[in-house]
C-alpha atoms as a PDB file:
ATOM      1  CA  MET A   1     -80.526 -11.993-120.919  1.00  0.00           C
ATOM      2  CA  VAL A   2     -80.291 -14.720-118.267  1.00  0.00           C
ATOM      3  CA  SER A   3     -82.969 -15.070-115.617  1.00  0.00           C
ATOM      4  CA  ILE A   4     -84.024 -17.507-112.919  1.00  0.00           C
ATOM      5  CA  SER A   5     -86.873 -19.815-113.894  1.00  0.00           C
ATOM      6  CA  PRO A   6     -90.158 -19.140-112.059  1.00  0.00           C
ATOM      7  CA  ASP A   7     -90.117 -22.487-110.223  1.00  0.00           C
ATOM      8  CA  VAL A   8     -86.608 -21.895-108.870  1.00  0.00           C
ATOM      9  CA  GLU A   9     -87.500 -18.333-107.875  1.00  0.00           C
ATOM     10  CA  TYR A  10     -90.572 -19.661-106.034  1.00  0.00           C
ATOM     11  CA  LEU A  11     -88.414 -22.124-104.077  1.00  0.00           C
ATOM     12  CA  ARG A  12     -85.940 -19.375-103.202  1.00  0.00           C
ATOM     13  CA  GLU A  13     -88.749 -17.162-101.922  1.00  0.00           C
ATOM     14  CA  ARG A  14     -90.234 -19.994 -99.805  1.00  0.00           C
ATOM     15  CA  TYR A  15     -86.774 -20.811 -98.423  1.00  0.00           C
ATOM     16  CA  ASN A  16     -86.132 -17.194 -97.430  1.00  0.00           C
ATOM     17  CA  ILE A  17     -89.519 -16.977 -95.707  1.00  0.00           C
ATOM     18  CA  GLY A  18     -88.960 -20.278 -93.907  1.00  0.00           C
ATOM     19  CA  LYS A  19     -85.458 -19.591 -92.654  1.00  0.00           C
ATOM     20  CA  ASN A  20     -86.789 -16.706 -90.566  1.00  0.00           C
ATOM     21  CA  ASN A  21     -89.177 -19.020 -88.698  1.00  0.00           C
ATOM     22  CA  SER A  22     -88.106 -21.103 -85.740  1.00  0.00           C
ATOM     23  CA  TYR A  23     -88.453 -24.850 -86.131  1.00  0.00           C
ATOM     24  CA  GLU A  24     -87.809 -27.648 -83.707  1.00  0.00           C
ATOM     25  CA  LEU A  25     -87.479 -31.278 -84.769  1.00  0.00           C
ATOM     26  CA  ILE A  26     -87.438 -33.866 -81.982  1.00  0.00           C
ATOM     27  CA  ILE A  27     -86.519 -37.470 -82.787  1.00  0.00           C
ATOM     28  CA  GLN A  28     -86.813 -40.062 -80.069  1.00  0.00           C
ATOM     29  CA  TYR A  29     -86.031 -43.762 -79.973  1.00  0.00           C
ATOM     30  CA  HIS A  30     -85.688 -44.584 -76.280  1.00  0.00           C
ATOM     31  CA  THR A  31     -84.433 -41.097 -75.402  1.00  0.00           C
ATOM     32  CA  VAL A  32     -84.570 -37.746 -77.178  1.00  0.00           C
ATOM     33  CA  LEU A  33     -81.646 -37.401 -79.589  1.00  0.00           C
ATOM     34  CA  GLN A  34     -79.309 -34.436 -79.774  1.00  0.00           C
ATOM     35  CA  ASP A  35     -77.326 -33.401 -82.857  1.00  0.00           C
ATOM     36  CA  GLY A  36     -74.366 -35.715 -83.291  1.00  0.00           C
ATOM     37  CA  THR A  37     -75.849 -38.607 -81.302  1.00  0.00           C
ATOM     38  CA  ILE A  38     -74.536 -41.924 -82.602  1.00  0.00           C
ATOM     39  CA  LEU A  39     -76.881 -44.896 -82.344  1.00  0.00           C
ATOM     40  CA  THR A  40     -76.114 -48.583 -82.620  1.00  0.00           C
ATOM     41  CA  LYS A  41     -77.952 -50.758 -85.119  1.00  0.00           C
ATOM     42  CA  ASP A  42     -79.889 -52.393 -82.264  1.00  0.00           C
ATOM     43  CA  GLU A  43     -81.088 -48.973 -81.049  1.00  0.00           C
ATOM     44  CA  THR A  44     -82.597 -48.172 -84.455  1.00  0.00           C
ATOM     45  CA  GLN A  45     -84.680 -51.281 -85.048  1.00  0.00           C
ATOM     46  CA  ILE A  46     -87.901 -49.466 -84.180  1.00  0.00           C
ATOM     47  CA  GLU A  47     -89.478 -46.559 -86.011  1.00  0.00           C
ATOM     48  CA  PRO A  48     -88.668 -43.373 -84.069  1.00  0.00           C
ATOM     49  CA  MET A  49     -91.204 -41.023 -82.523  1.00  0.00           C
ATOM     50  CA  VAL A  50     -91.022 -37.726 -84.415  1.00  0.00           C
ATOM     51  CA  GLN A  51     -92.329 -34.379 -83.181  1.00  0.00           C
ATOM     52  CA  ILE A  52     -92.130 -31.162 -85.179  1.00  0.00           C
ATOM     53  CA  ASN A  53     -92.797 -27.795 -83.544  1.00  0.00           C
ATOM     54  CA  PHE A  54     -93.217 -24.760 -85.765  1.00  0.00           C
ATOM     55  CA  ASN A  55     -95.597 -22.029 -86.798  1.00  0.00           C
ATOM     56  CA  ILE A  56     -97.822 -23.023 -89.696  1.00  0.00           C
ATOM     57  CA  ASP A  57     -98.222 -20.891 -92.810  1.00  0.00           C
ATOM     58  CA  LEU A  58    -101.957 -21.360 -93.455  1.00  0.00           C
ATOM     59  CA  GLN A  59    -101.427 -20.746 -97.156  1.00  0.00           C
ATOM     60  CA  TYR A  60     -99.107 -23.806 -97.337  1.00  0.00           C
ATOM     61  CA  PRO A  61    -100.158 -26.146 -94.496  1.00  0.00           C
ATOM     62  CA  TYR A  62     -98.986 -29.492 -95.941  1.00  0.00           C
ATOM     63  CA  PHE A  63     -95.585 -30.985 -95.223  1.00  0.00           C
ATOM     64  CA  THR A  64     -93.358 -33.903 -96.155  1.00  0.00           C
ATOM     65  CA  LEU A  65     -90.834 -35.499 -93.801  1.00  0.00           C
ATOM     66  CA  ILE A  66     -87.957 -37.445 -95.346  1.00  0.00           C
ATOM     67  CA  MET A  67     -85.703 -39.631 -93.187  1.00  0.00           C
ATOM     68  CA  VAL A  68     -82.251 -40.116 -94.678  1.00  0.00           C
ATOM     69  CA  ASP A  69     -79.212 -41.846 -93.189  1.00  0.00           C
ATOM     70  CA  PRO A  70     -76.155 -40.005 -94.587  1.00  0.00           C
ATOM     71  CA  ASP A  71     -73.550 -42.687 -93.866  1.00  0.00           C
ATOM     72  CA  ALA A  72     -75.457 -45.968 -94.160  1.00  0.00           C
ATOM     73  CA  PRO A  73     -74.796 -48.840 -94.416  1.00  0.00           C
ATOM     74  CA  GLN A  74     -71.590 -48.191 -92.495  1.00  0.00           C
ATOM     75  CA  ARG A  75     -69.988 -45.110 -90.980  1.00  0.00           C
ATOM     76  CA  GLY A  76     -66.848 -44.099 -92.815  1.00  0.00           C
ATOM     77  CA  ASN A  77     -68.107 -45.472 -96.144  1.00  0.00           C
ATOM     78  CA  GLU A  78     -70.114 -42.480 -97.301  1.00  0.00           C
ATOM     79  CA  HIS A  79     -69.820 -43.610-100.936  1.00  0.00           C
ATOM     80  CA  ALA A  80     -72.590 -46.141-100.241  1.00  0.00           C
ATOM     81  CA  GLY A  81     -74.955 -43.563 -98.703  1.00  0.00           C
ATOM     82  CA  PRO A  82     -77.115 -41.696 -98.265  1.00  0.00           C
ATOM     83  CA  TRP A  83     -79.911 -44.204 -97.774  1.00  0.00           C
ATOM     84  CA  LEU A  84     -83.530 -43.143 -97.847  1.00  0.00           C
ATOM     85  CA  HIS A  85     -85.440 -44.858 -95.033  1.00  0.00           C
ATOM     86  CA  TRP A  86     -88.931 -43.433 -95.470  1.00  0.00           C
ATOM     87  CA  ILE A  87     -91.060 -40.570 -96.730  1.00  0.00           C
ATOM     88  CA  HIS A  88     -94.161 -39.376 -94.868  1.00  0.00           C
ATOM     89  CA  SER A  89     -96.161 -36.849 -96.853  1.00  0.00           C
ATOM     90  CA  GLY A  90     -99.344 -34.836 -96.737  1.00  0.00           C
ATOM     91  CA  PHE A  91     -99.532 -34.108 -93.029  1.00  0.00           C
ATOM     92  CA  ILE A  92    -100.740 -30.725 -91.827  1.00  0.00           C
ATOM     93  CA  GLY A  93     -98.643 -28.778 -89.351  1.00  0.00           C
ATOM     94  CA  ASN A  94     -97.051 -30.966 -86.725  1.00  0.00           C
ATOM     95  CA  ASP A  95     -99.703 -33.729 -86.765  1.00  0.00           C
ATOM     96  CA  LEU A  96     -97.882 -36.660 -88.331  1.00  0.00           C
ATOM     97  CA  SER A  97    -100.887 -38.929 -87.751  1.00  0.00           C
ATOM     98  CA  GLN A  98    -102.341 -37.253 -90.828  1.00  0.00           C
ATOM     99  CA  GLY A  99    -100.814 -37.904 -94.197  1.00  0.00           C
ATOM    100  CA  ARG A 100     -99.380 -41.202 -95.292  1.00  0.00           C
ATOM    101  CA  THR A 101     -96.139 -43.052 -95.640  1.00  0.00           C
ATOM    102  CA  LEU A 102     -95.319 -43.049 -99.339  1.00  0.00           C
ATOM    103  CA  GLY A 103     -92.740 -45.774 -99.174  1.00  0.00           C
ATOM    104  CA  ILE A 104     -90.219 -47.521 -97.031  1.00  0.00           C
ATOM    105  CA  LEU A 105     -87.040 -48.100 -98.962  1.00  0.00           C
ATOM    106  CA  PHE A 106     -84.761 -49.321 -96.208  1.00  0.00           C
ATOM    107  CA  SER A 107     -86.839 -49.949 -93.145  1.00  0.00           C
ATOM    108  CA  TYR A 108     -85.587 -49.661 -89.583  1.00  0.00           C
ATOM    109  CA  ILE A 109     -87.900 -52.499 -88.630  1.00  0.00           C
END
């Protein structure tokens, strides 16, 4: 008999719970970005301001934010990407001042 491993089942359950919640991710360089916004290299030379708005599950309050550029280093050459820019982990809720940056692989700065 084939079954789903407990760790995969746990992830599926968490995903199904999470998809029913409303989340808002706001990324801002000089202006707030909308989906599909294309930025020049010069516009991305500073670390963006990130704001996350969502309801917190008090049983699982810690989060990790991963910033990935899907078509770096050049648009149209997706074979080279995606590039991982940074990982910020261990923050609670939408307070990114908590937690820590685990690594910067390809910095914007």
